Amino acid sequence: MICQPSIAEFASQFAQSLVRSLQMLAQLETVMLDEARVIATRNPDMLQRVIATKSTLVATLEAETVKQKQWVEFAQLPFTNSGIAQLFTQFDHAQSLSAQWTQLREMSVRCDQLNRANARLIEHDRKRIATLLRILKGDDAASATYTPQGRTTFTSSRSRTLIHA
């Protein structure tokens, strides 16, 4: 015989799960702000450590989200905002749970925005480094120089590289 939790136990478990998720998201937000600072310093070793911490937090948060999804689906509701709202109406502390859920969603959006911003920073640095490498190799056909008259001229493929100069 499978013992099913009472509504009060179910609500308590779900509330505890929300609190854990909120704590992890707060940690993730801090780590992502650290990641932005480390990207700016261009310290690859420190960046690897921050990324490892971020990956661990994301994996733990995803596991917690899977539990929440299972609980909502166990109640035969969809794992959507409306399904969550319906679920909360069955609990005594519906208002506080709803407020926590809203906070969780807002924090998730902020973390997503931080992640996208950090990705843009990394992509910008990657492009800058790729351009510098092409210039050093003499492969940058798109790099322009200026004539004494101030007009743009593009380097020829016969130009010498810095290594051969």
N, C-alpha and C. Protein backbone atom coordinates (compact mmCIF):
# COMPACT_ATOMS: atom_id res chain seq x y z
N MET A 1 0.84 -1.18 0.00
CA MET A 1 0.00 0.00 0.00
C MET A 1 0.89 1.25 0.00
N ILE A 2 0.65 2.15 -0.94
CA ILE A 2 1.42 3.37 -1.06
C ILE A 2 0.79 4.43 -0.17
N CYS A 3 1.61 5.03 0.66
CA CYS A 3 1.14 6.07 1.57
C CYS A 3 1.23 7.42 0.86
N GLN A 4 0.10 8.06 0.65
CA GLN A 4 0.09 9.35 -0.01
C GLN A 4 0.05 10.45 1.05
N PRO A 5 0.80 11.51 0.82
CA PRO A 5 0.84 12.58 1.82
C PRO A 5 -0.49 13.32 1.89
N SER A 6 -0.77 13.86 3.06
CA SER A 6 -1.97 14.68 3.23
C SER A 6 -1.74 16.01 2.51
N ILE A 7 -2.79 16.78 2.35
CA ILE A 7 -2.67 18.10 1.70
C ILE A 7 -1.71 18.98 2.50
N ALA A 8 -1.78 18.91 3.83
CA ALA A 8 -0.89 19.72 4.67
C ALA A 8 0.57 19.32 4.48
N GLU A 9 0.83 18.00 4.43
CA GLU A 9 2.20 17.52 4.20
C GLU A 9 2.69 17.91 2.81
N PHE A 10 1.80 17.75 1.84
CA PHE A 10 2.11 18.09 0.46
C PHE A 10 2.46 19.58 0.35
N ALA A 11 1.63 20.42 0.98
CA ALA A 11 1.86 21.87 0.95
C ALA A 11 3.18 22.22 1.62
N SER A 12 3.46 21.54 2.74
CA SER A 12 4.70 21.79 3.47
C SER A 12 5.91 21.40 2.62
N GLN A 13 5.85 20.25 1.97
CA GLN A 13 6.95 19.79 1.12
C GLN A 13 7.17 20.76 -0.05
N PHE A 14 6.07 21.19 -0.65
CA PHE A 14 6.18 22.10 -1.79
C PHE A 14 6.75 23.44 -1.33
N ALA A 15 6.30 23.93 -0.17
CA ALA A 15 6.80 25.20 0.37
C ALA A 15 8.29 25.11 0.66
N GLN A 16 8.73 24.00 1.23
CA GLN A 16 10.15 23.81 1.50
C GLN A 16 10.95 23.77 0.20
N SER A 17 10.39 23.16 -0.81
CA SER A 17 11.04 23.10 -2.11
C SER A 17 11.17 24.50 -2.71
N LEU A 18 10.12 25.32 -2.57
CA LEU A 18 10.18 26.70 -3.06
C LEU A 18 11.27 27.48 -2.34
N VAL A 19 11.36 27.30 -1.03
CA VAL A 19 12.39 28.01 -0.26
C VAL A 19 13.78 27.58 -0.72
N ARG A 20 13.99 26.28 -0.93
CA ARG A 20 15.28 25.80 -1.43
C ARG A 20 15.59 26.42 -2.80
N SER A 21 14.59 26.45 -3.66
CA SER A 21 14.79 27.03 -5.00
C SER A 21 15.13 28.51 -4.91
N LEU A 22 14.45 29.23 -4.04
CA LEU A 22 14.74 30.66 -3.87
C LEU A 22 16.16 30.87 -3.36
N GLN A 23 16.59 30.04 -2.42
CA GLN A 23 17.95 30.14 -1.90
C GLN A 23 18.97 29.86 -3.00
N MET A 24 18.71 28.83 -3.79
CA MET A 24 19.64 28.50 -4.88
C MET A 24 19.67 29.60 -5.94
N LEU A 25 18.52 30.17 -6.24
CA LEU A 25 18.49 31.26 -7.23
C LEU A 25 19.23 32.49 -6.72
N ALA A 26 19.12 32.76 -5.43
CA ALA A 26 19.87 33.89 -4.86
C ALA A 26 21.36 33.63 -4.97
N GLN A 27 21.79 32.41 -4.69
CA GLN A 27 23.20 32.04 -4.85
C GLN A 27 23.62 32.14 -6.32
N LEU A 28 22.76 31.67 -7.21
CA LEU A 28 23.06 31.70 -8.63
C LEU A 28 23.21 33.13 -9.13
N GLU A 29 22.33 34.00 -8.66
CA GLU A 29 22.41 35.41 -9.06
C GLU A 29 23.75 36.01 -8.62
N THR A 30 24.18 35.70 -7.41
CA THR A 30 25.47 36.18 -6.91
C THR A 30 26.62 35.62 -7.73
N VAL A 31 26.55 34.35 -8.04
CA VAL A 31 27.61 33.71 -8.85
C VAL A 31 27.66 34.33 -10.24
N MET A 32 26.50 34.64 -10.80
CA MET A 32 26.49 35.22 -12.15
C MET A 32 27.03 36.65 -12.14
N LEU A 33 26.81 37.38 -11.07
CA LEU A 33 27.43 38.70 -10.94
C LEU A 33 28.94 38.56 -10.80
N ASP A 34 29.37 37.56 -10.02
CA ASP A 34 30.82 37.26 -9.92
C ASP A 34 31.38 36.89 -11.28
N GLU A 35 30.61 36.11 -12.04
CA GLU A 35 31.06 35.70 -13.37
C GLU A 35 31.30 36.92 -14.26
N ALA A 36 30.41 37.89 -14.21
CA ALA A 36 30.58 39.11 -15.02
C ALA A 36 31.86 39.84 -14.61
N ARG A 37 32.13 39.92 -13.31
CA ARG A 37 33.36 40.58 -12.83
C ARG A 37 34.61 39.82 -13.30
N VAL A 38 34.55 38.49 -13.25
CA VAL A 38 35.70 37.68 -13.66
C VAL A 38 35.91 37.78 -15.17
N ILE A 39 34.84 37.81 -15.93
CA ILE A 39 34.96 37.97 -17.38
C ILE A 39 35.69 39.28 -17.68
N ALA A 40 35.34 40.33 -16.94
CA ALA A 40 35.97 41.64 -17.16
C ALA A 40 37.46 41.62 -16.82
N THR A 41 37.85 40.80 -15.85
CA THR A 41 39.27 40.72 -15.47
C THR A 41 40.07 39.81 -16.38
N ARG A 42 39.36 39.01 -17.19
CA ARG A 42 39.99 38.08 -18.14
C ARG A 42 40.92 37.09 -17.43
N ASN A 43 40.41 36.54 -16.34
CA ASN A 43 41.16 35.55 -15.57
C ASN A 43 40.56 34.18 -15.85
N PRO A 44 41.14 33.39 -16.77
CA PRO A 44 40.52 32.13 -17.19
C PRO A 44 40.42 31.09 -16.07
N ASP A 45 41.41 31.05 -15.17
CA ASP A 45 41.35 30.07 -14.08
C ASP A 45 40.20 30.37 -13.14
N MET A 46 40.05 31.64 -12.78
CA MET A 46 38.95 32.04 -11.90
C MET A 46 37.61 31.83 -12.61
N LEU A 47 37.57 32.11 -13.90
CA LEU A 47 36.34 31.92 -14.66
C LEU A 47 35.92 30.46 -14.66
N GLN A 48 36.87 29.55 -14.79
CA GLN A 48 36.55 28.12 -14.75
C GLN A 48 35.94 27.73 -13.41
N ARG A 49 36.48 28.28 -12.32
CA ARG A 49 35.93 27.97 -10.98
C ARG A 49 34.52 28.51 -10.84
N VAL A 50 34.29 29.73 -11.32
CA VAL A 50 32.95 30.33 -11.22
C VAL A 50 31.96 29.53 -12.06
N ILE A 51 32.38 29.12 -13.25
CA ILE A 51 31.50 28.34 -14.13
C ILE A 51 31.18 26.99 -13.50
N ALA A 52 32.15 26.38 -12.84
CA ALA A 52 31.89 25.09 -12.17
C ALA A 52 30.86 25.27 -11.06
N THR A 53 30.99 26.33 -10.29
CA THR A 53 30.02 26.62 -9.22
C THR A 53 28.64 26.87 -9.82
N LYS A 54 28.61 27.64 -10.90
CA LYS A 54 27.33 27.95 -11.56
C LYS A 54 26.69 26.67 -12.09
N SER A 55 27.47 25.81 -12.70
CA SER A 55 26.94 24.56 -13.26
C SER A 55 26.36 23.67 -12.17
N THR A 56 27.04 23.59 -11.02
CA THR A 56 26.53 22.80 -9.90
C THR A 56 25.21 23.35 -9.40
N LEU A 57 25.14 24.67 -9.25
CA LEU A 57 23.90 25.29 -8.79
C LEU A 57 22.76 25.05 -9.78
N VAL A 58 23.04 25.20 -11.06
CA VAL A 58 22.01 25.00 -12.08
C VAL A 58 21.50 23.56 -12.05
N ALA A 59 22.41 22.60 -11.94
CA ALA A 59 22.01 21.19 -11.90
C ALA A 59 21.14 20.90 -10.68
N THR A 60 21.52 21.44 -9.53
CA THR A 60 20.74 21.23 -8.30
C THR A 60 19.37 21.90 -8.42
N LEU A 61 19.36 23.08 -8.99
CA LEU A 61 18.09 23.80 -9.18
C LEU A 61 17.18 23.06 -10.16
N GLU A 62 17.76 22.51 -11.21
CA GLU A 62 16.97 21.73 -12.17
C GLU A 62 16.36 20.49 -11.51
N ALA A 63 17.12 19.84 -10.64
CA ALA A 63 16.60 18.66 -9.92
C ALA A 63 15.44 19.06 -9.01
N GLU A 64 15.55 20.20 -8.36
CA GLU A 64 14.47 20.68 -7.49
C GLU A 64 13.23 21.01 -8.33
N THR A 65 13.45 21.59 -9.49
CA THR A 65 12.33 21.92 -10.38
C THR A 65 11.63 20.67 -10.87
N VAL A 66 12.38 19.61 -11.13
CA VAL A 66 11.77 18.33 -11.53
C VAL A 66 10.86 17.82 -10.43
N LYS A 67 11.30 17.91 -9.17
CA LYS A 67 10.45 17.49 -8.04
C LYS A 67 9.17 18.31 -8.01
N GLN A 68 9.29 19.63 -8.17
CA GLN A 68 8.12 20.50 -8.15
C GLN A 68 7.15 20.13 -9.27
N LYS A 69 7.70 19.87 -10.43
CA LYS A 69 6.87 19.48 -11.58
C LYS A 69 6.14 18.18 -11.28
N GLN A 70 6.83 17.23 -10.70
CA GLN A 70 6.19 15.95 -10.37
C GLN A 70 5.06 16.13 -9.36
N TRP A 71 5.27 16.99 -8.38
CA TRP A 71 4.23 17.23 -7.38
C TRP A 71 3.01 17.87 -8.02
N VAL A 72 3.23 18.82 -8.90
CA VAL A 72 2.11 19.49 -9.56
C VAL A 72 1.37 18.51 -10.45
N GLU A 73 2.11 17.71 -11.20
CA GLU A 73 1.47 16.73 -12.08
C GLU A 73 0.79 15.61 -11.29
N PHE A 74 1.31 15.29 -10.10
CA PHE A 74 0.68 14.31 -9.23
C PHE A 74 -0.72 14.81 -8.82
N ALA A 75 -0.84 16.12 -8.68
CA ALA A 75 -2.14 16.73 -8.36
C ALA A 75 -3.01 16.86 -9.61
N GLN A 76 -2.54 16.27 -10.71
CA GLN A 76 -3.23 16.27 -12.00
C GLN A 76 -3.47 17.68 -12.53
N LEU A 77 -2.42 18.49 -12.39
CA LEU A 77 -2.46 19.86 -12.90
C LEU A 77 -1.25 20.07 -13.81
N PRO A 78 -1.36 20.97 -14.76
CA PRO A 78 -0.20 21.23 -15.63
C PRO A 78 0.84 22.06 -14.89
N PHE A 79 2.10 21.85 -15.22
CA PHE A 79 3.18 22.62 -14.60
C PHE A 79 3.33 23.94 -15.35
N THR A 80 2.34 24.78 -15.16
CA THR A 80 2.29 26.11 -15.74
C THR A 80 1.92 27.08 -14.61
N ASN A 81 1.97 28.35 -14.91
CA ASN A 81 1.59 29.33 -13.88
C ASN A 81 0.15 29.14 -13.44
N SER A 82 -0.73 28.83 -14.38
CA SER A 82 -2.14 28.61 -13.99
C SER A 82 -2.29 27.32 -13.20
N GLY A 83 -1.54 26.29 -13.55
CA GLY A 83 -1.58 25.03 -12.79
C GLY A 83 -1.06 25.22 -11.38
N ILE A 84 0.00 25.98 -11.25
CA ILE A 84 0.56 26.29 -9.92
C ILE A 84 -0.46 27.08 -9.11
N ALA A 85 -1.10 28.07 -9.74
CA ALA A 85 -2.11 28.87 -9.04
C ALA A 85 -3.26 27.99 -8.55
N GLN A 86 -3.69 27.06 -9.40
CA GLN A 86 -4.75 26.13 -9.00
C GLN A 86 -4.30 25.28 -7.82
N LEU A 87 -3.06 24.81 -7.87
CA LEU A 87 -2.54 23.98 -6.80
C LEU A 87 -2.54 24.75 -5.48
N PHE A 88 -2.11 25.99 -5.52
CA PHE A 88 -2.02 26.78 -4.30
C PHE A 88 -3.38 27.03 -3.67
N THR A 89 -4.43 27.07 -4.47
CA THR A 89 -5.77 27.29 -3.89
C THR A 89 -6.18 26.15 -2.97
N GLN A 90 -5.54 25.00 -3.09
CA GLN A 90 -5.85 23.85 -2.23
C GLN A 90 -5.12 23.93 -0.89
N PHE A 91 -4.18 24.86 -0.75
CA PHE A 91 -3.35 24.94 0.45
C PHE A 91 -3.81 26.08 1.35
N ASP A 92 -3.53 25.92 2.66
CA ASP A 92 -3.89 26.96 3.64
C ASP A 92 -3.12 28.26 3.42
N HIS A 93 -1.87 28.16 3.08
CA HIS A 93 -1.01 29.34 2.92
C HIS A 93 -0.86 29.72 1.46
N ALA A 94 -1.97 29.73 0.75
CA ALA A 94 -1.94 29.97 -0.70
C ALA A 94 -1.31 31.32 -1.04
N GLN A 95 -1.62 32.34 -0.26
CA GLN A 95 -1.11 33.68 -0.58
C GLN A 95 0.41 33.75 -0.44
N SER A 96 0.96 33.19 0.63
CA SER A 96 2.41 33.24 0.81
C SER A 96 3.12 32.36 -0.22
N LEU A 97 2.52 31.21 -0.54
CA LEU A 97 3.11 30.35 -1.58
C LEU A 97 3.09 31.04 -2.93
N SER A 98 2.01 31.72 -3.22
CA SER A 98 1.89 32.44 -4.49
C SER A 98 2.95 33.56 -4.56
N ALA A 99 3.15 34.24 -3.44
CA ALA A 99 4.16 35.30 -3.41
C ALA A 99 5.56 34.71 -3.62
N GLN A 100 5.83 33.56 -3.02
CA GLN A 100 7.12 32.90 -3.21
C GLN A 100 7.30 32.46 -4.66
N TRP A 101 6.23 31.95 -5.25
CA TRP A 101 6.30 31.52 -6.65
C TRP A 101 6.60 32.71 -7.56
N THR A 102 5.95 33.84 -7.28
CA THR A 102 6.19 35.05 -8.06
C THR A 102 7.65 35.49 -7.91
N GLN A 103 8.14 35.46 -6.69
CA GLN A 103 9.53 35.82 -6.43
C GLN A 103 10.48 34.87 -7.17
N LEU A 104 10.15 33.60 -7.17
CA LEU A 104 10.97 32.60 -7.87
C LEU A 104 11.02 32.90 -9.36
N ARG A 105 9.88 33.21 -9.93
CA ARG A 105 9.84 33.53 -11.37
C ARG A 105 10.63 34.79 -11.67
N GLU A 106 10.51 35.81 -10.82
CA GLU A 106 11.25 37.06 -11.04
C GLU A 106 12.76 36.83 -10.94
N MET A 107 13.17 36.04 -9.97
CA MET A 107 14.59 35.75 -9.82
C MET A 107 15.10 34.94 -11.01
N SER A 108 14.28 34.04 -11.51
CA SER A 108 14.65 33.24 -12.68
C SER A 108 14.88 34.14 -13.89
N VAL A 109 14.02 35.12 -14.05
CA VAL A 109 14.16 36.07 -15.17
C VAL A 109 15.45 36.86 -15.02
N ARG A 110 15.74 37.33 -13.79
CA ARG A 110 16.99 38.09 -13.57
C ARG A 110 18.21 37.23 -13.86
N CYS A 111 18.19 35.98 -13.42
CA CYS A 111 19.32 35.09 -13.68
C CYS A 111 19.48 34.84 -15.18
N ASP A 112 18.37 34.68 -15.88
CA ASP A 112 18.43 34.50 -17.33
C ASP A 112 19.03 35.73 -18.00
N GLN A 113 18.63 36.92 -17.55
CA GLN A 113 19.17 38.16 -18.11
C GLN A 113 20.67 38.27 -17.84
N LEU A 114 21.08 37.92 -16.62
CA LEU A 114 22.51 37.95 -16.29
C LEU A 114 23.29 36.96 -17.14
N ASN A 115 22.73 35.78 -17.33
CA ASN A 115 23.39 34.77 -18.13
C ASN A 115 23.56 35.24 -19.58
N ARG A 116 22.53 35.85 -20.12
CA ARG A 116 22.61 36.37 -21.49
C ARG A 116 23.64 37.51 -21.59
N ALA A 117 23.67 38.37 -20.58
CA ALA A 117 24.64 39.47 -20.58
C ALA A 117 26.07 38.92 -20.51
N ASN A 118 26.28 37.91 -19.67
CA ASN A 118 27.60 37.31 -19.57
C ASN A 118 27.99 36.62 -20.88
N ALA A 119 27.03 35.99 -21.52
CA ALA A 119 27.31 35.35 -22.82
C ALA A 119 27.72 36.40 -23.85
N ARG A 120 27.06 37.56 -23.82
CA ARG A 120 27.43 38.64 -24.76
C ARG A 120 28.85 39.13 -24.48
N LEU A 121 29.21 39.26 -23.19
CA LEU A 121 30.57 39.68 -22.84
C LEU A 121 31.61 38.69 -23.36
N ILE A 122 31.32 37.42 -23.16
CA ILE A 122 32.25 36.38 -23.62
C ILE A 122 32.35 36.39 -25.14
N GLU A 123 31.24 36.53 -25.82
CA GLU A 123 31.25 36.56 -27.29
C GLU A 123 32.01 37.78 -27.80
N HIS A 124 31.84 38.92 -27.15
CA HIS A 124 32.57 40.13 -27.54
C HIS A 124 34.07 39.90 -27.39
N ASP A 125 34.48 39.32 -26.26
CA ASP A 125 35.91 39.03 -26.05
C ASP A 125 36.42 38.02 -27.07
N ARG A 126 35.61 37.01 -27.37
CA ARG A 126 36.02 36.00 -28.35
C ARG A 126 36.26 36.65 -29.71
N LYS A 127 35.35 37.53 -30.13
CA LYS A 127 35.51 38.20 -31.43
C LYS A 127 36.74 39.11 -31.42
N ARG A 128 36.97 39.80 -30.31
CA ARG A 128 38.12 40.68 -30.21
C ARG A 128 39.41 39.88 -30.33
N ILE A 129 39.48 38.76 -29.66
CA ILE A 129 40.67 37.91 -29.71
C ILE A 129 40.86 37.33 -31.11
N ALA A 130 39.78 36.90 -31.74
CA ALA A 130 39.86 36.35 -33.10
C ALA A 130 40.38 37.41 -34.07
N THR A 131 39.91 38.64 -33.92
CA THR A 131 40.36 39.72 -34.78
C THR A 131 41.84 40.00 -34.56
N LEU A 132 42.25 40.05 -33.30
CA LEU A 132 43.66 40.29 -33.00
C LEU A 132 44.55 39.19 -33.57
N LEU A 133 44.11 37.95 -33.47
CA LEU A 133 44.88 36.83 -34.03
C LEU A 133 44.98 36.95 -35.55
N ARG A 134 43.89 37.33 -36.21
CA ARG A 134 43.93 37.50 -37.67
C ARG A 134 44.90 38.61 -38.06
N ILE A 135 44.89 39.69 -37.29
CA ILE A 135 45.80 40.80 -37.57
C ILE A 135 47.25 40.36 -37.40
N LEU A 136 47.52 39.64 -36.31
CA LEU A 136 48.89 39.17 -36.07
C LEU A 136 49.36 38.21 -37.14
N LYS A 137 48.46 37.40 -37.67
CA LYS A 137 48.81 36.45 -38.73
C LYS A 137 48.87 37.11 -40.10
N GLY A 138 48.34 38.31 -40.22
CA GLY A 138 48.30 38.99 -41.50
C GLY A 138 47.14 38.54 -42.36
N ASP A 139 46.17 37.89 -41.75
CA ASP A 139 45.01 37.38 -42.50
C ASP A 139 43.81 38.30 -42.45
N ASP A 140 43.96 39.47 -41.89
CA ASP A 140 42.80 40.34 -41.70
C ASP A 140 42.62 41.26 -42.90
N ALA A 141 41.95 40.76 -43.91
CA ALA A 141 41.72 41.55 -45.12
C ALA A 141 40.80 42.72 -44.86
N ALA A 142 40.03 42.66 -43.79
CA ALA A 142 39.07 43.71 -43.51
C ALA A 142 39.66 44.85 -42.69
N SER A 143 40.91 44.73 -42.23
CA SER A 143 41.44 45.82 -41.41
C SER A 143 41.86 46.97 -42.32
N ALA A 144 41.48 48.15 -41.93
CA ALA A 144 41.73 49.33 -42.75
C ALA A 144 42.88 50.14 -42.15
N THR A 145 43.62 50.78 -43.03
CA THR A 145 44.63 51.75 -42.62
C THR A 145 44.27 53.06 -43.30
N TYR A 146 44.97 54.12 -42.97
CA TYR A 146 44.65 55.42 -43.53
C TYR A 146 45.84 55.97 -44.30
N THR A 147 45.54 56.63 -45.40
CA THR A 147 46.56 57.28 -46.21
C THR A 147 46.91 58.61 -45.54
N PRO A 148 48.00 59.24 -46.00
CA PRO A 148 48.33 60.57 -45.43
C PRO A 148 47.21 61.59 -45.65
N GLN A 149 46.33 61.34 -46.63
CA GLN A 149 45.22 62.24 -46.89
C GLN A 149 43.99 61.91 -46.01
N GLY A 150 44.09 60.86 -45.19
CA GLY A 150 42.98 60.50 -44.31
C GLY A 150 41.97 59.57 -44.93
N ARG A 151 42.27 59.04 -46.11
CA ARG A 151 41.35 58.11 -46.76
C ARG A 151 41.63 56.69 -46.29
N THR A 152 40.58 55.88 -46.26
CA THR A 152 40.72 54.50 -45.84
C THR A 152 41.27 53.66 -46.98
N THR A 153 42.26 52.85 -46.67
CA THR A 153 42.74 51.86 -47.62
C THR A 153 42.79 50.53 -46.89
N PHE A 154 42.53 49.48 -47.61
CA PHE A 154 42.55 48.15 -47.01
C PHE A 154 43.88 47.49 -47.30
N THR A 155 44.37 46.75 -46.35
CA THR A 155 45.66 46.10 -46.52
C THR A 155 45.56 45.04 -47.61
N SER A 156 46.64 44.86 -48.31
CA SER A 156 46.64 43.85 -49.37
C SER A 156 47.04 42.51 -48.79
N SER A 157 46.77 41.47 -49.52
CA SER A 157 47.13 40.14 -49.06
C SER A 157 48.64 39.95 -49.08
N ARG A 158 49.39 40.89 -49.74
CA ARG A 158 50.84 40.78 -49.80
C ARG A 158 51.50 41.51 -48.64
N SER A 159 50.69 42.06 -47.73
CA SER A 159 51.28 42.78 -46.61
C SER A 159 52.04 41.82 -45.71
N ARG A 160 53.02 42.36 -45.03
CA ARG A 160 53.84 41.54 -44.16
C ARG A 160 53.19 41.44 -42.79
N THR A 161 53.32 40.32 -42.17
CA THR A 161 52.79 40.16 -40.82
C THR A 161 53.76 40.77 -39.82
N LEU A 162 53.31 40.97 -38.61
CA LEU A 162 54.19 41.49 -37.58
C LEU A 162 55.37 40.55 -37.34
N ILE A 163 55.12 39.29 -37.51
CA ILE A 163 56.17 38.30 -37.27
C ILE A 163 57.27 38.44 -38.32
N HIS A 164 56.90 38.76 -39.56
CA HIS A 164 57.86 38.86 -40.64
C HIS A 164 58.37 40.28 -40.86
N ALA A 165 57.89 41.23 -40.11
CA ALA A 165 58.27 42.63 -40.29
C ALA A 165 59.69 42.89 -39.83
